[in-house]
Amino acid sequence: GAAACDLFVAVGTSLVVGPINQMFPVAAARGARTAILTASETPFDSETDWKLTEPLERVLPALRALIAQS
């Protein structure tokens, strides 16, 4: 769960409804790196390690390509 992850990624959500909005602070408090991938503002924008606002149809294939290279 969120308390045990090393990386918490929220994709396509404004993080204002549960349970996802409860998971972000749990993961961050336990030391997980965090990433938010959404065009909308979220309550956690100032707390996240990475905020990507580009369209997901561009971001997700690019991330997949980077991961495949490593």
PDB file of N, CA and C in Angstrom:
ATOM      1  N   GLY A   1       0.809  -1.185   0.000  1.00  0.00           N
ATOM      2  CA  GLY A   1       0.000   0.000   0.000  1.00  0.00           C
ATOM      3  C   GLY A   1       0.859   1.258   0.000  1.00  0.00           C
ATOM      4  N   ALA A   2       0.201   2.344   0.139  1.00  0.00           N
ATOM      5  CA  ALA A   2       0.863   3.648   0.088  1.00  0.00           C
ATOM      6  C   ALA A   2       1.934   3.805   1.157  1.00  0.00           C
ATOM      7  N   ALA A   3       1.737   3.200   2.308  1.00  0.00           N
ATOM      8  CA  ALA A   3       2.702   3.339   3.395  1.00  0.00           C
ATOM      9  C   ALA A   3       4.001   2.598   3.129  1.00  0.00           C
ATOM     10  N   ALA A   4       3.995   1.660   2.190  1.00  0.00           N
ATOM     11  CA  ALA A   4       5.190   0.852   1.935  1.00  0.00           C
ATOM     12  C   ALA A   4       5.849   1.139   0.591  1.00  0.00           C
ATOM     13  N   CYS A   5       5.324   2.069  -0.182  1.00  0.00           N
ATOM     14  CA  CYS A   5       5.877   2.291  -1.529  1.00  0.00           C
ATOM     15  C   CYS A   5       7.095   3.211  -1.489  1.00  0.00           C
ATOM     16  N   ASP A   6       7.933   3.057  -2.506  1.00  0.00           N
ATOM     17  CA  ASP A   6       9.091   3.932  -2.687  1.00  0.00           C
ATOM     18  C   ASP A   6       8.768   5.110  -3.597  1.00  0.00           C
ATOM     19  N   LEU A   7       7.819   4.894  -4.501  1.00  0.00           N
ATOM     20  CA  LEU A   7       7.397   5.917  -5.452  1.00  0.00           C
ATOM     21  C   LEU A   7       5.881   5.884  -5.553  1.00  0.00           C
ATOM     22  N   PHE A   8       5.252   7.015  -5.314  1.00  0.00           N
ATOM     23  CA  PHE A   8       3.803   7.136  -5.416  1.00  0.00           C
ATOM     24  C   PHE A   8       3.501   8.021  -6.614  1.00  0.00           C
ATOM     25  N   VAL A   9       2.751   7.489  -7.587  1.00  0.00           N
ATOM     26  CA  VAL A   9       2.417   8.227  -8.800  1.00  0.00           C
ATOM     27  C   VAL A   9       0.900   8.345  -8.899  1.00  0.00           C
ATOM     28  N   ALA A  10       0.415   9.563  -8.980  1.00  0.00           N
ATOM     29  CA  ALA A  10      -1.007   9.833  -9.176  1.00  0.00           C
ATOM     30  C   ALA A  10      -1.180  10.339 -10.601  1.00  0.00           C
ATOM     31  N   VAL A  11      -1.971   9.619 -11.397  1.00  0.00           N
ATOM     32  CA  VAL A  11      -2.125   9.938 -12.819  1.00  0.00           C
ATOM     33  C   VAL A  11      -3.579  10.294 -13.112  1.00  0.00           C
ATOM     34  N   GLY A  12      -3.766  11.466 -13.714  1.00  0.00           N
ATOM     35  CA  GLY A  12      -5.082  11.863 -14.173  1.00  0.00           C
ATOM     36  C   GLY A  12      -6.091  12.112 -13.077  1.00  0.00           C
ATOM     37  N   THR A  13      -5.657  12.586 -11.945  1.00  0.00           N
ATOM     38  CA  THR A  13      -6.565  12.849 -10.831  1.00  0.00           C
ATOM     39  C   THR A  13      -6.257  14.205 -10.208  1.00  0.00           C
ATOM     40  N   SER A  14      -7.288  14.852  -9.705  1.00  0.00           N
ATOM     41  CA  SER A  14      -7.095  16.129  -9.017  1.00  0.00           C
ATOM     42  C   SER A  14      -6.787  15.934  -7.541  1.00  0.00           C
ATOM     43  N   LEU A  15      -6.790  14.682  -7.083  1.00  0.00           N
ATOM     44  CA  LEU A  15      -6.476  14.330  -5.695  1.00  0.00           C
ATOM     45  C   LEU A  15      -7.389  15.021  -4.675  1.00  0.00           C
ATOM     46  N   VAL A  16      -8.657  15.161  -5.033  1.00  0.00           N
ATOM     47  CA  VAL A  16      -9.598  15.758  -4.093  1.00  0.00           C
ATOM     48  C   VAL A  16     -10.637  14.761  -3.584  1.00  0.00           C
ATOM     49  N   VAL A  17     -10.655  13.551  -4.135  1.00  0.00           N
ATOM     50  CA  VAL A  17     -11.603  12.536  -3.665  1.00  0.00           C
ATOM     51  C   VAL A  17     -10.842  11.329  -3.139  1.00  0.00           C
ATOM     52  N   GLY A  18     -11.487  10.617  -2.223  1.00  0.00           N
ATOM     53  CA  GLY A  18     -10.862   9.442  -1.624  1.00  0.00           C
ATOM     54  C   GLY A  18     -11.072   8.211  -2.466  1.00  0.00           C
ATOM     55  N   PRO A  19     -10.239   7.230  -2.288  1.00  0.00           N
ATOM     56  CA  PRO A  19      -9.197   7.172  -1.259  1.00  0.00           C
ATOM     57  C   PRO A  19      -7.851   7.729  -1.711  1.00  0.00           C
ATOM     58  N   ILE A  20      -7.717   8.104  -2.989  1.00  0.00           N
ATOM     59  CA  ILE A  20      -6.414   8.542  -3.503  1.00  0.00           C
ATOM     60  C   ILE A  20      -5.898   9.772  -2.760  1.00  0.00           C
ATOM     61  N   ASN A  21      -6.772  10.674  -2.350  1.00  0.00           N
ATOM     62  CA  ASN A  21      -6.306  11.881  -1.656  1.00  0.00           C
ATOM     63  C   ASN A  21      -5.795  11.568  -0.246  1.00  0.00           C
ATOM     64  N   GLN A  22      -6.123  10.405   0.283  1.00  0.00           N
ATOM     65  CA  GLN A  22      -5.596   9.992   1.582  1.00  0.00           C
ATOM     66  C   GLN A  22      -4.280   9.230   1.431  1.00  0.00           C
ATOM     67  N   MET A  23      -4.077   8.651   0.264  1.00  0.00           N
ATOM     68  CA  MET A  23      -2.865   7.862   0.029  1.00  0.00           C
ATOM     69  C   MET A  23      -1.629   8.731  -0.181  1.00  0.00           C
ATOM     70  N   PHE A  24      -1.795   9.861  -0.860  1.00  0.00           N
ATOM     71  CA  PHE A  24      -0.642  10.729  -1.136  1.00  0.00           C
ATOM     72  C   PHE A  24       0.080  11.139   0.144  1.00  0.00           C
ATOM     73  N   PRO A  25      -0.605  11.720   1.128  1.00  0.00           N
ATOM     74  CA  PRO A  25       0.124  12.147   2.325  1.00  0.00           C
ATOM     75  C   PRO A  25       0.730  10.982   3.111  1.00  0.00           C
ATOM     76  N   VAL A  26       0.095   9.818   3.076  1.00  0.00           N
ATOM     77  CA  VAL A  26       0.651   8.647   3.765  1.00  0.00           C
ATOM     78  C   VAL A  26       1.974   8.256   3.113  1.00  0.00           C
ATOM     79  N   ALA A  27       1.981   8.158   1.793  1.00  0.00           N
ATOM     80  CA  ALA A  27       3.204   7.780   1.077  1.00  0.00           C
ATOM     81  C   ALA A  27       4.311   8.809   1.310  1.00  0.00           C
ATOM     82  N   ALA A  28       3.976  10.083   1.200  1.00  0.00           N
ATOM     83  CA  ALA A  28       4.975  11.134   1.380  1.00  0.00           C
ATOM     84  C   ALA A  28       5.536  11.129   2.802  1.00  0.00           C
ATOM     85  N   ALA A  29       4.677  10.942   3.785  1.00  0.00           N
ATOM     86  CA  ALA A  29       5.130  10.927   5.181  1.00  0.00           C
ATOM     87  C   ALA A  29       6.060   9.760   5.468  1.00  0.00           C
ATOM     88  N   ARG A  30       5.899   8.677   4.739  1.00  0.00           N
ATOM     89  CA  ARG A  30       6.752   7.494   4.927  1.00  0.00           C
ATOM     90  C   ARG A  30       8.021   7.551   4.088  1.00  0.00           C
ATOM     91  N   GLY A  31       8.225   8.656   3.371  1.00  0.00           N
ATOM     92  CA  GLY A  31       9.467   8.846   2.637  1.00  0.00           C
ATOM     93  C   GLY A  31       9.434   8.492   1.174  1.00  0.00           C
ATOM     94  N   ALA A  32       8.273   8.172   0.634  1.00  0.00           N
ATOM     95  CA  ALA A  32       8.189   7.859  -0.792  1.00  0.00           C
ATOM     96  C   ALA A  32       8.395   9.126  -1.612  1.00  0.00           C
ATOM     97  N   ARG A  33       9.045   8.983  -2.754  1.00  0.00           N
ATOM     98  CA  ARG A  33       9.079  10.071  -3.730  1.00  0.00           C
ATOM     99  C   ARG A  33       7.699  10.123  -4.354  1.00  0.00           C
ATOM    100  N   THR A  34       7.261  11.297  -4.784  1.00  0.00           N
ATOM    101  CA  THR A  34       5.914  11.441  -5.310  1.00  0.00           C
ATOM    102  C   THR A  34       5.907  12.152  -6.650  1.00  0.00           C
ATOM    103  N   ALA A  35       4.972  11.745  -7.487  1.00  0.00           N
ATOM    104  CA  ALA A  35       4.788  12.375  -8.792  1.00  0.00           C
ATOM    105  C   ALA A  35       3.298  12.516  -9.052  1.00  0.00           C
ATOM    106  N   ILE A  36       2.913  13.667  -9.564  1.00  0.00           N
ATOM    107  CA  ILE A  36       1.534  13.924  -9.949  1.00  0.00           C
ATOM    108  C   ILE A  36       1.536  14.244 -11.436  1.00  0.00           C
ATOM    109  N   LEU A  37       0.757  13.481 -12.195  1.00  0.00           N
ATOM    110  CA  LEU A  37       0.640  13.675 -13.633  1.00  0.00           C
ATOM    111  C   LEU A  37      -0.795  14.053 -13.942  1.00  0.00           C
ATOM    112  N   THR A  38      -1.068  15.337 -14.011  1.00  0.00           N
ATOM    113  CA  THR A  38      -2.412  15.833 -14.325  1.00  0.00           C
ATOM    114  C   THR A  38      -2.327  17.303 -14.701  1.00  0.00           C
ATOM    115  N   ALA A  39      -3.232  17.724 -15.572  1.00  0.00           N
ATOM    116  CA  ALA A  39      -3.256  19.127 -15.980  1.00  0.00           C
ATOM    117  C   ALA A  39      -3.902  20.018 -14.925  1.00  0.00           C
ATOM    118  N   SER A  40      -4.716  19.434 -14.069  1.00  0.00           N
ATOM    119  CA  SER A  40      -5.423  20.232 -13.066  1.00  0.00           C
ATOM    120  C   SER A  40      -4.554  20.480 -11.838  1.00  0.00           C
ATOM    121  N   GLU A  41      -4.927  21.502 -11.098  1.00  0.00           N
ATOM    122  CA  GLU A  41      -4.254  21.771  -9.835  1.00  0.00           C
ATOM    123  C   GLU A  41      -4.717  20.750  -8.807  1.00  0.00           C
ATOM    124  N   THR A  42      -3.838  20.433  -7.857  1.00  0.00           N
ATOM    125  CA  THR A  42      -4.191  19.521  -6.777  1.00  0.00           C
ATOM    126  C   THR A  42      -3.792  20.155  -5.449  1.00  0.00           C
ATOM    127  N   PRO A  43      -4.347  19.668  -4.352  1.00  0.00           N
ATOM    128  CA  PRO A  43      -3.954  20.193  -3.043  1.00  0.00           C
ATOM    129  C   PRO A  43      -2.507  19.865  -2.668  1.00  0.00           C
ATOM    130  N   PHE A  44      -1.871  18.963  -3.433  1.00  0.00           N
ATOM    131  CA  PHE A  44      -0.525  18.508  -3.087  1.00  0.00           C
ATOM    132  C   PHE A  44       0.544  19.006  -4.057  1.00  0.00           C
ATOM    133  N   ASP A  45       0.208  19.935  -4.941  1.00  0.00           N
ATOM    134  CA  ASP A  45       1.166  20.426  -5.934  1.00  0.00           C
ATOM    135  C   ASP A  45       2.442  20.965  -5.307  1.00  0.00           C
ATOM    136  N   SER A  46       2.332  21.650  -4.198  1.00  0.00           N
ATOM    137  CA  SER A  46       3.525  22.236  -3.573  1.00  0.00           C
ATOM    138  C   SER A  46       4.328  21.208  -2.782  1.00  0.00           C
ATOM    139  N   GLU A  47       3.764  20.022  -2.565  1.00  0.00           N
ATOM    140  CA  GLU A  47       4.436  19.001  -1.768  1.00  0.00           C
ATOM    141  C   GLU A  47       5.062  17.881  -2.597  1.00  0.00           C
ATOM    142  N   THR A  48       4.699  17.779  -3.860  1.00  0.00           N
ATOM    143  CA  THR A  48       5.158  16.659  -4.674  1.00  0.00           C
ATOM    144  C   THR A  48       6.587  16.865  -5.161  1.00  0.00           C
ATOM    145  N   ASP A  49       7.269  15.776  -5.435  1.00  0.00           N
ATOM    146  CA  ASP A  49       8.617  15.864  -5.992  1.00  0.00           C
ATOM    147  C   ASP A  49       8.576  16.265  -7.465  1.00  0.00           C
ATOM    148  N   TRP A  50       7.579  15.735  -8.191  1.00  0.00           N
ATOM    149  CA  TRP A  50       7.430  16.043  -9.617  1.00  0.00           C
ATOM    150  C   TRP A  50       5.977  16.300  -9.936  1.00  0.00           C
ATOM    151  N   LYS A  51       5.734  17.344 -10.706  1.00  0.00           N
ATOM    152  CA  LYS A  51       4.389  17.643 -11.210  1.00  0.00           C
ATOM    153  C   LYS A  51       4.506  17.805 -12.717  1.00  0.00           C
ATOM    154  N   LEU A  52       3.842  16.934 -13.441  1.00  0.00           N
ATOM    155  CA  LEU A  52       3.841  16.987 -14.901  1.00  0.00           C
ATOM    156  C   LEU A  52       2.442  17.350 -15.368  1.00  0.00           C
ATOM    157  N   THR A  53       2.336  18.416 -16.144  1.00  0.00           N
ATOM    158  CA  THR A  53       1.026  18.892 -16.588  1.00  0.00           C
ATOM    159  C   THR A  53       0.800  18.693 -18.077  1.00  0.00           C
ATOM    160  N   GLU A  54       1.778  18.156 -18.765  1.00  0.00           N
ATOM    161  CA  GLU A  54       1.620  17.895 -20.200  1.00  0.00           C
ATOM    162  C   GLU A  54       0.540  16.842 -20.416  1.00  0.00           C
ATOM    163  N   PRO A  55      -0.053  16.790 -21.600  1.00  0.00           N
ATOM    164  CA  PRO A  55      -1.081  15.782 -21.871  1.00  0.00           C
ATOM    165  C   PRO A  55      -0.549  14.358 -21.641  1.00  0.00           C
ATOM    166  N   LEU A  56      -1.362  13.546 -20.987  1.00  0.00           N
ATOM    167  CA  LEU A  56      -0.947  12.184 -20.639  1.00  0.00           C
ATOM    168  C   LEU A  56      -0.618  11.345 -21.862  1.00  0.00           C
ATOM    169  N   GLU A  57      -1.264  11.615 -22.981  1.00  0.00           N
ATOM    170  CA  GLU A  57      -0.962  10.844 -24.189  1.00  0.00           C
ATOM    171  C   GLU A  57       0.453  11.105 -24.704  1.00  0.00           C
ATOM    172  N   ARG A  58       1.095  12.166 -24.255  1.00  0.00           N
ATOM    173  CA  ARG A  58       2.509  12.406 -24.574  1.00  0.00           C
ATOM    174  C   ARG A  58       3.415  11.955 -23.434  1.00  0.00           C
ATOM    175  N   VAL A  59       2.996  12.233 -22.201  1.00  0.00           N
ATOM    176  CA  VAL A  59       3.834  11.943 -21.043  1.00  0.00           C
ATOM    177  C   VAL A  59       4.032  10.441 -20.832  1.00  0.00           C
ATOM    178  N   LEU A  60       2.954   9.678 -20.853  1.00  0.00           N
ATOM    179  CA  LEU A  60       3.062   8.249 -20.533  1.00  0.00           C
ATOM    180  C   LEU A  60       3.918   7.468 -21.524  1.00  0.00           C
ATOM    181  N   PRO A  61       3.776   7.662 -22.845  1.00  0.00           N
ATOM    182  CA  PRO A  61       4.685   6.961 -23.757  1.00  0.00           C
ATOM    183  C   PRO A  61       6.155   7.382 -23.576  1.00  0.00           C
ATOM    184  N   ALA A  62       6.380   8.652 -23.278  1.00  0.00           N
ATOM    185  CA  ALA A  62       7.755   9.113 -23.057  1.00  0.00           C
ATOM    186  C   ALA A  62       8.339   8.487 -21.805  1.00  0.00           C
ATOM    187  N   LEU A  63       7.561   8.386 -20.739  1.00  0.00           N
ATOM    188  CA  LEU A  63       8.038   7.723 -19.512  1.00  0.00           C
ATOM    189  C   LEU A  63       8.319   6.251 -19.763  1.00  0.00           C
ATOM    190  N   ARG A  64       7.443   5.596 -20.493  1.00  0.00           N
ATOM    191  CA  ARG A  64       7.657   4.179 -20.817  1.00  0.00           C
ATOM    192  C   ARG A  64       8.974   3.999 -21.578  1.00  0.00           C
ATOM    193  N   ALA A  65       9.246   4.875 -22.527  1.00  0.00           N
ATOM    194  CA  ALA A  65      10.478   4.791 -23.303  1.00  0.00           C
ATOM    195  C   ALA A  65      11.702   5.000 -22.420  1.00  0.00           C
ATOM    196  N   LEU A  66      11.631   5.942 -21.484  1.00  0.00           N
ATOM    197  CA  LEU A  66      12.765   6.164 -20.567  1.00  0.00           C
ATOM    198  C   LEU A  66      13.000   4.960 -19.671  1.00  0.00           C
ATOM    199  N   ILE A  67      11.933   4.370 -19.174  1.00  0.00           N
ATOM    200  CA  ILE A  67      12.074   3.208 -18.307  1.00  0.00           C
ATOM    201  C   ILE A  67      12.648   2.032 -19.086  1.00  0.00           C
ATOM    202  N   ALA A  68      12.219   1.864 -20.316  1.00  0.00           N
ATOM    203  CA  ALA A  68      12.714   0.761 -21.134  1.00  0.00           C
ATOM    204  C   ALA A  68      14.208   0.897 -21.424  1.00  0.00           C
ATOM    205  N   GLN A  69      14.714   2.116 -21.457  1.00  0.00           N
ATOM    206  CA  GLN A  69      16.136   2.348 -21.728  1.00  0.00           C
ATOM    207  C   GLN A  69      17.007   2.029 -20.509  1.00  0.00           C
ATOM    208  N   SER A  70      16.436   2.062 -19.340  1.00  0.00           N
ATOM    209  CA  SER A  70      17.266   1.876 -18.134  1.00  0.00           C
ATOM    210  C   SER A  70      17.434   0.424 -17.767  1.00  0.00           C
TER     211      SER A  70
END
